[in-house]
Amino acid sequence: MKKAYILPLCALALLASCDDFLQKEPLTSITPNNFFTSGDDAESSITAVYDALQGAGAYGQDLFTMGEMPSDNTTSVSNDVNALETIAWTPNTSQVGNVFRQAYLGINRANIVLKYVPTITMDTLRRSQIQGEARFVRALCYFNLVRAYGGVPLRLEPTETAQPSELNLPRATPEQVYEQVVTDLQKAAIQMPPTAASNLNRATKNSANALLARVQVTQRNWAAAQAAAGKVIAANIQLNNSFRALFPAENKGAESLFEIQFAGTPDGGNLLPDEILPFPLTTYSFSKFNLPTAELIAYADTVNDQRWSYVGNVVNSAGKFLGRNHVSYIDSRKNQAISSSNSAINDRGNFPYKWTSSGNNFNSIDNSYVLRYAEVLLNYAEAVNEQNGPSTDALAKLNLVRQRAGLAALTMGSAQAASKQALRNEIDRQRRLELAFEGERWWDLLRYARHNQVEAGAHTVTALDLIAQFRKGARDVNYLLFPLPQAEINNNPQLQQNPGY
């Protein structure tokens, strides 16, 4: 997040991971007792919680590569993401470790807020809101952990000593972690305001309920998912009129329910655009991540679907043609011959175009969406269909997403609504086309695989199909979880590795 107030909190001994270059008072003179004394201190502490979501191990890079690279959406020849691309990750794969560590950084900072902010004398409403925001971020971090690794240590108090008894916790069960996530989101929804009109950088009641709907869909708790999504829908949120206008994010419209803020500075910039866009949109040329697969481009309707249709050429400030903008992706100089005077092979072909800012030495100003209203509508439609099959209620929500994309509304007489399975397939399709490159495809494929284990054939493509493609035909269920990082196993004798690693 933008880092207006982060320095005082980073000085605390409680945040042992803060950077050495921060020149503040000696740690021995700053304690919880003399820091958490005012409303400004509380605001600084919650800013630090949001800041943890910005890191390379979170939404600044690795959550998007981990959520897309193993899937059928994207590909790459970059060695940096080869283990994710080929489903060959190990306990020592960098992204596996980065995501785990960054999530616990956010959790620890949230725990600090939840322990110390309640003791501050300040505006009582704002104090309650700050606690709700901390619970939301803690829930988001634990949800990202549990769907990636399964059961993880459930730490609900700040780490304040180096005692092994405090540091080395055993793994909770997945059910226990999910229970805590749901509890935190339910409490956060009560404490936070419905909207963030005064500060668009903050999570809100709608953010909490939107995330709760995603959590419940992941667990196949269909009635609970419908209820959570229904609360957001009842708040009269609207989709942006134009899908194209959503990107880059930058708090555009009520559809944005939560996004990661980036200031475009060396300590507050977004790494991802430089890693997925071609040069000269970015700082320099190299093999990029998250490139759209040929299968995904063929799957999309690049003529009629306004999320994927051609809307005009991308031209830089010097008037040089850089590619064709298809809204979700850029067709970059595809038909130009390679020569010493134009693009290298790295910069030809298809690239995601939901982040569009020019290179800034890996410090883009582009925000990244975590939660959009379109997904809430799709979650609601899925939950209703899974309970009762096709209905006008499910179609009404699905049609909002389809019609914004320029596609015809479905009716109960449409082929896509002929059965629960037909509508399930259509919802799966719209999720893929709507949310492509936004870091959710692999997690969807994982939950589809688990759904198929309960109801054979429920989803036509799942993570196990991709796993079999790269694991010599073996539909190895062990790869439905990432391994725990080896460094964590080495440091904590109470941790047991996931099967198969």
Protein backbone atom coordinates (compact mmCIF):
# COMPACT_ATOMS: atom_id res chain seq x y z
CA MET A 1 0.00 0.00 0.00
CA LYS A 2 1.08 3.61 -0.25
CA LYS A 3 3.48 4.13 2.63
CA ALA A 4 2.54 7.44 4.17
CA TYR A 5 2.73 6.31 7.79
CA ILE A 6 4.74 3.11 7.88
CA LEU A 7 8.02 4.32 9.40
CA PRO A 8 6.99 4.59 13.06
CA LEU A 9 5.67 1.03 13.15
CA CYS A 10 8.68 -0.39 11.39
CA ALA A 11 10.79 0.95 14.24
CA LEU A 12 9.08 -1.41 16.65
CA ALA A 13 10.98 -4.44 17.78
CA LEU A 14 7.77 -6.33 17.14
CA LEU A 15 8.36 -6.12 13.39
CA ALA A 16 11.70 -7.84 13.19
CA SER A 17 11.54 -7.99 9.39
CA CYS A 18 11.63 -4.22 8.84
CA ASP A 19 14.47 -2.95 6.72
CA ASP A 20 17.76 -1.88 8.27
CA PHE A 21 17.88 1.36 6.31
CA LEU A 22 15.04 2.86 8.32
CA GLN A 23 16.80 5.37 10.53
CA LYS A 24 14.53 5.85 13.51
CA GLU A 25 14.93 5.88 17.28
CA PRO A 26 16.90 2.99 18.82
CA LEU A 27 14.73 -0.08 19.22
CA THR A 28 15.37 -0.09 22.98
CA SER A 29 13.51 3.22 23.34
CA ILE A 30 10.39 2.24 21.38
CA THR A 31 8.02 -0.28 22.93
CA PRO A 32 4.34 -1.16 22.58
CA ASN A 33 3.68 0.87 25.72
CA ASN A 34 5.09 4.11 24.34
CA PHE A 35 4.17 3.64 20.69
CA PHE A 36 0.50 2.64 20.81
CA THR A 37 -0.67 5.81 22.53
CA SER A 38 -2.65 7.77 19.91
CA GLY A 39 -4.95 7.54 16.95
CA ASP A 40 -2.02 8.37 14.67
CA ASP A 41 -0.16 5.33 16.02
CA ALA A 42 -3.17 3.17 15.26
CA GLU A 43 -3.34 4.51 11.70
CA SER A 44 0.37 3.86 11.24
CA SER A 45 -0.02 0.30 12.45
CA ILE A 46 -2.88 -0.55 10.06
CA THR A 47 -0.97 1.02 7.16
CA ALA A 48 1.86 -1.39 7.92
CA VAL A 49 -0.62 -4.28 7.77
CA TYR A 50 -1.76 -3.27 4.29
CA ASP A 51 1.85 -2.73 3.26
CA ALA A 52 2.55 -6.44 3.77
CA LEU A 53 0.18 -7.23 0.88
CA GLN A 54 2.37 -5.20 -1.46
CA GLY A 55 5.49 -7.35 -1.26
CA ALA A 56 6.96 -9.56 -3.96
CA GLY A 57 5.77 -12.61 -2.05
CA ALA A 58 2.21 -11.33 -2.10
CA TYR A 59 0.32 -9.22 -4.65
CA GLY A 60 3.43 -7.45 -5.90
CA GLN A 61 4.40 -10.56 -7.86
CA ASP A 62 4.25 -14.15 -6.62
CA LEU A 63 0.55 -14.58 -5.83
CA PHE A 64 -0.20 -13.70 -9.45
CA THR A 65 2.47 -16.02 -10.88
CA MET A 66 1.49 -18.85 -8.51
CA GLY A 67 -2.18 -18.31 -9.33
CA GLU A 68 -1.72 -18.30 -13.11
CA MET A 69 1.50 -19.99 -14.28
CA PRO A 70 0.52 -23.62 -13.47
CA SER A 71 -2.84 -23.11 -15.20
CA ASP A 72 -4.05 -23.35 -18.78
CA ASN A 73 -4.24 -19.54 -18.97
CA THR A 74 -0.56 -18.72 -19.18
CA THR A 75 2.85 -19.91 -20.25
CA SER A 76 6.45 -18.71 -20.21
CA VAL A 77 9.97 -19.76 -21.17
CA SER A 78 11.46 -17.82 -18.26
CA ASN A 79 13.59 -19.86 -15.89
CA ASP A 80 12.25 -17.71 -13.05
CA VAL A 81 8.82 -19.36 -13.30
CA ASN A 82 9.72 -22.66 -14.95
CA ALA A 83 8.89 -24.72 -11.86
CA LEU A 84 5.39 -23.22 -11.79
CA GLU A 85 4.95 -23.48 -15.56
CA THR A 86 5.81 -27.19 -15.64
CA ILE A 87 4.25 -28.14 -12.28
CA ALA A 88 7.66 -29.20 -11.03
CA TRP A 89 7.85 -27.16 -7.86
CA THR A 90 9.73 -28.39 -4.82
CA PRO A 91 10.04 -27.23 -1.19
CA ASN A 92 12.92 -25.03 -2.37
CA THR A 93 11.08 -23.25 -5.21
CA SER A 94 11.38 -19.52 -4.62
CA GLN A 95 7.69 -18.64 -5.00
CA VAL A 96 6.72 -21.43 -2.59
CA GLY A 97 8.86 -19.85 0.11
CA ASN A 98 8.10 -16.23 -0.73
CA VAL A 99 4.31 -16.56 -0.56
CA PHE A 100 4.47 -18.45 2.74
CA ARG A 101 6.80 -15.96 4.43
CA GLN A 102 5.03 -12.84 3.15
CA ALA A 103 1.66 -14.10 4.33
CA TYR A 104 2.97 -14.56 7.85
CA LEU A 105 4.47 -11.08 7.77
CA GLY A 106 0.98 -9.73 7.11
CA ILE A 107 -0.51 -12.01 9.77
CA ASN A 108 2.00 -10.90 12.40
CA ARG A 109 1.37 -7.23 11.67
CA ALA A 110 -2.38 -7.81 11.87
CA ASN A 111 -1.92 -9.61 15.18
CA ILE A 112 0.02 -6.63 16.53
CA VAL A 113 -2.87 -4.31 15.65
CA LEU A 114 -5.43 -6.63 17.20
CA LYS A 115 -3.44 -6.86 20.43
CA TYR A 116 -2.47 -3.22 20.97
CA VAL A 117 -4.92 -0.94 19.15
CA PRO A 118 -7.86 -1.82 21.46
CA THR A 119 -5.94 -0.21 24.35
CA ILE A 120 -5.54 3.18 22.59
CA THR A 121 -7.70 6.11 23.66
CA MET A 122 -9.09 7.41 20.35
CA ASP A 123 -12.28 7.71 18.34
CA THR A 124 -14.10 4.48 19.22
CA LEU A 125 -15.68 3.99 15.79
CA ARG A 126 -12.38 4.36 13.96
CA ARG A 127 -10.66 2.09 16.49
CA SER A 128 -13.22 -0.61 15.77
CA GLN A 129 -12.83 -0.12 12.02
CA ILE A 130 -9.05 -0.53 12.25
CA GLN A 131 -9.51 -3.81 14.07
CA GLY A 132 -11.91 -4.95 11.36
CA GLU A 133 -9.40 -4.06 8.66
CA ALA A 134 -6.69 -6.04 10.47
CA ARG A 135 -9.02 -9.05 10.71
CA PHE A 136 -9.78 -8.78 6.99
CA VAL A 137 -6.08 -8.82 6.05
CA ARG A 138 -5.35 -11.67 8.47
CA ALA A 139 -8.19 -13.66 6.93
CA LEU A 140 -6.96 -12.93 3.40
CA CYS A 141 -3.45 -14.10 4.30
CA TYR A 142 -4.65 -17.29 5.98
CA PHE A 143 -7.00 -18.04 3.08
CA ASN A 144 -4.13 -17.70 0.62
CA LEU A 145 -2.06 -20.02 2.80
CA VAL A 146 -4.67 -22.73 3.35
CA ARG A 147 -5.67 -23.06 -0.29
CA ALA A 148 -2.01 -23.21 -1.31
CA TYR A 149 -0.48 -25.40 1.42
CA GLY A 150 -3.36 -26.95 3.34
CA GLY A 151 -3.14 -26.79 7.13
CA VAL A 152 -0.61 -24.28 8.43
CA PRO A 153 0.37 -22.98 11.88
CA LEU A 154 -2.48 -20.87 13.19
CA ARG A 155 -0.88 -17.88 14.88
CA LEU A 156 -3.34 -15.45 16.46
CA GLU A 157 -0.96 -13.50 18.70
CA PRO A 158 2.04 -11.41 17.62
CA THR A 159 5.47 -13.00 17.70
CA GLU A 160 7.29 -10.96 20.30
CA THR A 161 10.11 -13.24 21.44
CA ALA A 162 12.52 -15.70 19.86
CA GLN A 163 11.51 -18.51 22.21
CA PRO A 164 11.05 -21.80 20.34
CA SER A 165 7.83 -22.41 22.26
CA GLU A 166 6.40 -19.25 20.71
CA LEU A 167 7.96 -19.55 17.27
CA ASN A 168 7.50 -23.25 16.54
CA LEU A 169 3.82 -24.03 16.29
CA PRO A 170 2.44 -27.22 14.73
CA ARG A 171 0.19 -27.21 11.72
CA ALA A 172 -3.50 -26.66 12.33
CA THR A 173 -5.90 -28.67 10.20
CA PRO A 174 -7.30 -27.07 7.03
CA GLU A 175 -10.70 -27.07 8.70
CA GLN A 176 -9.36 -25.09 11.66
CA VAL A 177 -7.72 -22.54 9.38
CA TYR A 178 -10.89 -22.11 7.33
CA GLU A 179 -12.91 -21.73 10.52
CA GLN A 180 -10.62 -18.90 11.64
CA VAL A 181 -10.83 -17.22 8.23
CA VAL A 182 -14.62 -17.29 8.33
CA THR A 183 -14.68 -16.00 11.91
CA ASP A 184 -12.34 -13.13 11.09
CA LEU A 185 -14.33 -12.10 8.03
CA GLN A 186 -17.65 -12.23 9.86
CA LYS A 187 -16.25 -10.00 12.62
CA ALA A 188 -14.57 -7.70 10.10
CA ALA A 189 -17.86 -7.23 8.24
CA ILE A 190 -19.47 -6.02 11.45
CA GLN A 191 -16.65 -3.63 12.33
CA MET A 192 -15.86 -2.07 8.95
CA PRO A 193 -17.97 0.54 7.11
CA PRO A 194 -20.07 -0.51 4.08
CA THR A 195 -18.06 1.65 1.67
CA ALA A 196 -14.70 3.40 1.61
CA ALA A 197 -15.87 6.74 0.32
CA SER A 198 -13.46 8.56 2.61
CA ASN A 199 -10.46 6.35 1.80
CA LEU A 200 -10.53 4.13 -1.27
CA ASN A 201 -7.38 2.34 -0.10
CA ARG A 202 -9.22 0.57 2.72
CA ALA A 203 -11.11 -2.69 3.02
CA THR A 204 -14.82 -2.43 3.81
CA LYS A 205 -17.81 -4.51 4.86
CA ASN A 206 -18.32 -5.32 1.17
CA SER A 207 -14.70 -6.44 0.88
CA ALA A 208 -15.16 -8.84 3.80
CA ASN A 209 -18.39 -10.33 2.43
CA ALA A 210 -16.93 -10.64 -1.08
CA LEU A 211 -13.93 -12.53 0.26
CA LEU A 212 -16.20 -14.64 2.47
CA ALA A 213 -18.18 -15.65 -0.63
CA ARG A 214 -14.95 -16.74 -2.33
CA VAL A 215 -13.94 -18.71 0.77
CA GLN A 216 -17.29 -20.48 0.98
CA VAL A 217 -17.31 -21.30 -2.74
CA THR A 218 -13.84 -22.80 -2.32
CA GLN A 219 -15.22 -25.05 0.45
CA ARG A 220 -18.41 -25.81 -1.51
CA ASN A 221 -20.54 -24.34 1.27
CA TRP A 222 -23.09 -23.21 -1.27
CA ALA A 223 -25.76 -21.72 0.98
CA ALA A 224 -23.18 -19.76 2.94
CA ALA A 225 -21.55 -18.58 -0.29
CA GLN A 226 -24.91 -17.39 -1.63
CA ALA A 227 -25.62 -15.56 1.62
CA ALA A 228 -22.25 -13.78 1.68
CA ALA A 229 -22.42 -12.79 -1.98
CA GLY A 230 -26.03 -11.74 -1.50
CA LYS A 231 -25.01 -9.22 1.16
CA VAL A 232 -22.72 -7.49 -1.34
CA ILE A 233 -25.40 -7.56 -4.01
CA ALA A 234 -27.92 -6.08 -1.55
CA ALA A 235 -25.54 -3.13 -1.04
CA ASN A 236 -26.42 -2.01 -4.59
CA ILE A 237 -22.88 -2.25 -5.95
CA GLN A 238 -22.67 -1.68 -9.70
CA LEU A 239 -20.42 -3.07 -12.40
CA ASN A 240 -18.42 -0.52 -14.32
CA ASN A 241 -20.19 0.22 -17.60
CA SER A 242 -17.08 -0.69 -19.58
CA PHE A 243 -14.79 -3.65 -18.90
CA ARG A 244 -12.00 -1.79 -20.62
CA ALA A 245 -12.32 1.10 -18.16
CA LEU A 246 -11.39 -1.21 -15.28
CA PHE A 247 -7.74 -1.36 -16.31
CA PRO A 248 -5.38 -0.35 -14.97
CA ALA A 249 -7.12 -0.47 -11.58
CA GLU A 250 -6.46 2.77 -9.65
CA ASN A 251 -9.70 2.60 -7.63
CA LYS A 252 -11.92 2.82 -10.69
CA GLY A 253 -15.58 2.64 -9.79
CA ALA A 254 -17.68 0.80 -7.23
CA GLU A 255 -16.88 -2.56 -8.88
CA SER A 256 -13.48 -2.52 -7.17
CA LEU A 257 -14.14 -4.07 -3.76
CA PHE A 258 -10.49 -4.33 -2.76
CA GLU A 259 -7.28 -3.68 -4.62
CA ILE A 260 -3.62 -3.41 -3.72
CA GLN A 261 -2.37 0.17 -3.86
CA PHE A 262 1.00 1.02 -5.40
CA ALA A 263 2.72 4.39 -5.31
CA GLY A 264 5.20 3.71 -8.14
CA THR A 265 8.20 4.43 -5.90
CA PRO A 266 11.20 2.18 -5.16
CA ASP A 267 9.69 1.09 -1.84
CA GLY A 268 6.09 1.11 -3.08
CA GLY A 269 6.01 0.02 -6.72
CA ASN A 270 4.37 -2.91 -8.46
CA LEU A 271 6.86 -5.42 -9.89
CA LEU A 272 4.34 -7.33 -11.98
CA PRO A 273 3.80 -5.04 -15.02
CA ASP A 274 7.51 -5.07 -15.85
CA GLU A 275 7.44 -8.85 -15.69
CA ILE A 276 4.45 -9.46 -17.97
CA LEU A 277 4.50 -6.64 -20.57
CA PRO A 278 6.75 -6.34 -23.63
CA PHE A 279 9.49 -3.77 -24.05
CA PRO A 280 9.28 -0.77 -24.60
CA LEU A 281 6.15 -0.70 -22.44
CA THR A 282 8.49 -1.94 -19.72
CA THR A 283 11.98 -1.14 -18.52
CA TYR A 284 13.85 -3.66 -20.65
CA SER A 285 13.46 -6.83 -22.72
CA PHE A 286 13.58 -10.33 -21.24
CA SER A 287 11.47 -13.50 -21.23
CA LYS A 288 8.23 -12.45 -19.58
CA PHE A 289 5.83 -14.28 -17.21
CA ASN A 290 2.12 -15.09 -17.50
CA LEU A 291 1.95 -15.01 -21.31
CA PRO A 292 -1.51 -16.00 -22.61
CA THR A 293 -1.59 -19.51 -24.00
CA ALA A 294 -2.69 -20.07 -27.59
CA GLU A 295 -5.49 -22.23 -26.16
CA LEU A 296 -6.82 -19.34 -24.06
CA ILE A 297 -6.83 -16.95 -27.03
CA ALA A 298 -8.66 -19.57 -29.11
CA TYR A 299 -11.10 -20.17 -26.21
CA ALA A 300 -12.06 -16.50 -26.06
CA ASP A 301 -14.30 -14.77 -28.61
CA THR A 302 -11.90 -12.07 -29.77
CA VAL A 303 -14.52 -10.52 -32.05
CA ASN A 304 -17.72 -10.17 -30.02
CA ASP A 305 -16.63 -10.47 -26.40
CA GLN A 306 -15.67 -6.95 -25.36
CA ARG A 307 -13.26 -8.33 -22.76
CA TRP A 308 -11.21 -9.85 -25.58
CA SER A 309 -12.08 -7.88 -28.72
CA TYR A 310 -9.73 -5.57 -30.61
CA VAL A 311 -10.22 -1.93 -29.64
CA GLY A 312 -7.27 -0.12 -31.20
CA ASN A 313 -3.54 0.07 -31.60
CA VAL A 314 -1.11 0.75 -28.78
CA VAL A 315 1.21 3.58 -29.79
CA ASN A 316 3.91 5.08 -27.59
CA SER A 317 4.67 8.77 -27.08
CA ALA A 318 7.01 8.72 -30.07
CA GLY A 319 4.21 7.48 -32.30
CA LYS A 320 5.67 3.98 -32.61
CA PHE A 321 3.23 1.09 -33.04
CA LEU A 322 3.63 -1.35 -30.16
CA GLY A 323 0.77 -3.77 -30.67
CA ARG A 324 -2.97 -4.34 -30.96
CA ASN A 325 -5.02 -3.85 -27.79
CA HIS A 326 -7.55 -6.64 -27.24
CA VAL A 327 -8.49 -5.27 -23.79
CA SER A 328 -7.37 -8.33 -21.79
CA TYR A 329 -4.24 -8.83 -23.88
CA ILE A 330 -1.97 -7.00 -26.28
CA ASP A 331 -0.99 -8.59 -29.59
CA SER A 332 2.51 -7.11 -29.66
CA ARG A 333 4.05 -6.67 -33.13
CA LYS A 334 2.98 -10.17 -33.99
CA ASN A 335 3.40 -9.79 -37.71
CA GLN A 336 6.68 -7.87 -37.70
CA ALA A 337 9.84 -9.62 -38.77
CA ILE A 338 12.64 -9.83 -36.24
CA SER A 339 15.67 -7.75 -37.14
CA SER A 340 18.39 -5.78 -35.45
CA SER A 341 16.25 -2.65 -35.75
CA ASN A 342 13.05 -3.82 -34.07
CA SER A 343 11.71 -6.06 -31.33
CA ALA A 344 13.55 -9.06 -30.00
CA ILE A 345 11.71 -12.37 -29.84
CA ASN A 346 10.92 -11.68 -26.17
CA ASP A 347 8.66 -8.79 -27.16
CA ARG A 348 6.58 -10.38 -29.91
CA GLY A 349 3.28 -12.23 -29.42
CA ASN A 350 0.57 -11.99 -26.79
CA PHE A 351 0.91 -10.41 -23.34
CA PRO A 352 -1.62 -9.62 -20.57
CA TYR A 353 -2.84 -6.03 -20.79
CA LYS A 354 -4.75 -5.50 -17.57
CA TRP A 355 -1.68 -3.67 -16.26
CA THR A 356 -0.73 -1.05 -18.83
CA SER A 357 1.71 1.41 -17.26
CA SER A 358 5.03 1.99 -18.96
CA GLY A 359 8.20 0.74 -17.33
CA ASN A 360 9.43 2.53 -14.23
CA ASN A 361 12.37 0.34 -13.26
CA PHE A 362 10.05 -2.33 -11.83
CA ASN A 363 8.11 0.23 -9.80
CA SER A 364 4.79 0.54 -11.63
CA ILE A 365 1.99 2.71 -10.30
CA ASP A 366 -0.64 0.19 -11.45
CA ASN A 367 -2.82 -1.21 -8.70
CA SER A 368 -3.89 -4.86 -8.70
CA TYR A 369 -7.41 -6.14 -8.04
CA VAL A 370 -7.99 -8.64 -5.26
CA LEU A 371 -11.81 -8.53 -5.28
CA ARG A 372 -14.20 -7.28 -7.98
CA TYR A 373 -17.99 -7.21 -7.99
CA ALA A 374 -18.08 -9.28 -11.18
CA GLU A 375 -16.64 -12.23 -9.25
CA VAL A 376 -19.26 -11.77 -6.53
CA LEU A 377 -21.99 -12.12 -9.16
CA LEU A 378 -20.36 -15.25 -10.57
CA ASN A 379 -19.95 -16.74 -7.09
CA TYR A 380 -23.62 -16.07 -6.37
CA ALA A 381 -24.72 -17.67 -9.65
CA GLU A 382 -22.53 -20.70 -9.00
CA ALA A 383 -23.81 -21.14 -5.45
CA VAL A 384 -27.45 -20.92 -6.52
CA ASN A 385 -26.94 -23.34 -9.41
CA GLU A 386 -25.12 -25.88 -7.23
CA GLN A 387 -28.01 -25.92 -4.77
CA ASN A 388 -31.01 -25.89 -7.08
CA GLY A 389 -29.88 -26.00 -10.70
CA PRO A 390 -30.68 -23.28 -13.25
CA SER A 391 -32.96 -20.49 -12.09
CA THR A 392 -33.89 -16.98 -13.10
CA ASP A 393 -32.04 -15.77 -10.00
CA ALA A 394 -28.74 -17.38 -11.05
CA LEU A 395 -29.16 -16.23 -14.66
CA ALA A 396 -29.88 -12.66 -13.63
CA LYS A 397 -26.52 -12.39 -11.88
CA LEU A 398 -24.64 -14.21 -14.61
CA ASN A 399 -26.26 -12.05 -17.29
CA LEU A 400 -24.91 -8.87 -15.69
CA VAL A 401 -21.40 -10.14 -16.38
CA ARG A 402 -22.24 -11.48 -19.84
CA GLN A 403 -24.06 -8.37 -21.00
CA ARG A 404 -21.32 -6.04 -19.79
CA ALA A 405 -19.06 -8.09 -22.08
CA GLY A 406 -21.45 -7.51 -24.99
CA LEU A 407 -22.85 -11.05 -24.93
CA ALA A 408 -26.56 -11.87 -25.18
CA ALA A 409 -28.54 -12.49 -22.01
CA LEU A 410 -29.38 -16.11 -21.27
CA THR A 411 -32.91 -17.30 -20.57
CA MET A 412 -34.26 -20.48 -19.04
CA GLY A 413 -34.68 -21.70 -22.61
CA SER A 414 -31.00 -21.21 -23.49
CA ALA A 415 -28.81 -24.25 -24.07
CA GLN A 416 -26.48 -23.02 -21.31
CA ALA A 417 -29.38 -23.31 -18.84
CA ALA A 418 -30.65 -26.70 -19.93
CA SER A 419 -29.26 -28.42 -16.81
CA LYS A 420 -27.15 -27.85 -13.72
CA GLN A 421 -24.15 -29.21 -15.62
CA ALA A 422 -24.74 -26.94 -18.63
CA LEU A 423 -24.98 -23.85 -16.45
CA ARG A 424 -22.00 -24.97 -14.38
CA ASN A 425 -19.96 -25.15 -17.58
CA GLU A 426 -21.09 -21.66 -18.60
CA ILE A 427 -20.23 -20.18 -15.20
CA ASP A 428 -16.79 -21.84 -15.35
CA ARG A 429 -16.31 -20.30 -18.80
CA GLN A 430 -17.30 -16.81 -17.71
CA ARG A 431 -15.02 -16.98 -14.65
CA ARG A 432 -12.07 -17.84 -16.87
CA LEU A 433 -12.77 -15.11 -19.42
CA GLU A 434 -13.66 -12.42 -16.87
CA LEU A 435 -10.82 -12.98 -14.38
CA ALA A 436 -7.99 -14.06 -16.71
CA PHE A 437 -4.51 -13.08 -15.44
CA GLU A 438 -5.92 -11.75 -12.14
CA GLY A 439 -4.42 -14.61 -10.14
CA GLU A 440 -7.44 -16.90 -9.64
CA ARG A 441 -7.32 -19.49 -12.43
CA TRP A 442 -5.10 -22.11 -10.72
CA TRP A 443 -7.10 -21.85 -7.50
CA ASP A 444 -10.30 -22.39 -9.50
CA LEU A 445 -8.78 -25.44 -11.19
CA LEU A 446 -7.75 -26.80 -7.78
CA ARG A 447 -11.25 -26.45 -6.36
CA TYR A 448 -12.70 -27.98 -9.54
CA ALA A 449 -10.43 -31.00 -9.02
CA ARG A 450 -11.62 -31.40 -5.44
CA HIS A 451 -15.24 -30.98 -6.56
CA ASN A 452 -14.74 -33.74 -9.13
CA GLN A 453 -13.47 -36.04 -6.37
CA VAL A 454 -16.89 -35.65 -4.73
CA GLU A 455 -19.00 -35.45 -7.90
CA ALA A 456 -17.31 -37.12 -10.87
CA GLY A 457 -17.32 -35.05 -14.05
CA ALA A 458 -18.59 -31.87 -12.41
CA HIS A 459 -15.98 -29.76 -14.22
CA THR A 460 -14.57 -30.48 -17.65
CA VAL A 461 -11.04 -29.18 -16.92
CA THR A 462 -9.35 -29.31 -13.53
CA ALA A 463 -5.90 -28.96 -12.04
CA LEU A 464 -5.44 -32.73 -12.32
CA ASP A 465 -5.62 -32.47 -16.11
CA LEU A 466 -2.75 -29.98 -16.07
CA ILE A 467 -0.84 -32.06 -13.52
CA ALA A 468 -1.16 -35.13 -15.74
CA GLN A 469 0.11 -33.13 -18.71
CA PHE A 470 3.39 -32.38 -16.94
CA ARG A 471 3.72 -35.40 -14.61
CA LYS A 472 4.04 -38.10 -17.30
CA GLY A 473 0.33 -38.74 -17.37
CA ALA A 474 -0.04 -39.22 -13.63
CA ARG A 475 -2.99 -37.41 -12.03
CA ASP A 476 -0.96 -36.96 -8.87
CA VAL A 477 -3.25 -35.54 -6.17
CA ASN A 478 -0.21 -34.51 -4.11
CA TYR A 479 0.23 -31.56 -6.47
CA LEU A 480 -3.14 -30.18 -5.43
CA LEU A 481 -1.12 -28.64 -2.61
CA PHE A 482 2.17 -26.81 -2.74
CA PRO A 483 4.89 -28.10 -0.39
CA LEU A 484 5.77 -26.25 2.76
CA PRO A 485 9.01 -24.30 2.23
CA GLN A 486 12.04 -26.36 3.19
CA ALA A 487 13.45 -23.48 5.23
CA GLU A 488 10.33 -23.57 7.42
CA ILE A 489 10.63 -27.33 7.87
CA ASN A 490 14.28 -26.90 8.86
CA ASN A 491 13.50 -24.15 11.38
CA ASN A 492 10.40 -25.65 12.95
CA PRO A 493 10.70 -29.30 14.05
CA GLN A 494 6.93 -29.46 14.63
CA LEU A 495 6.11 -29.06 10.94
CA GLN A 496 5.37 -32.09 8.79
CA GLN A 497 5.75 -31.84 5.00
CA ASN A 498 2.83 -32.36 2.64
CA PRO A 499 2.62 -35.85 1.09
CA GLY A 500 4.66 -36.46 -2.05
CA TYR A 501 7.40 -33.93 -1.30
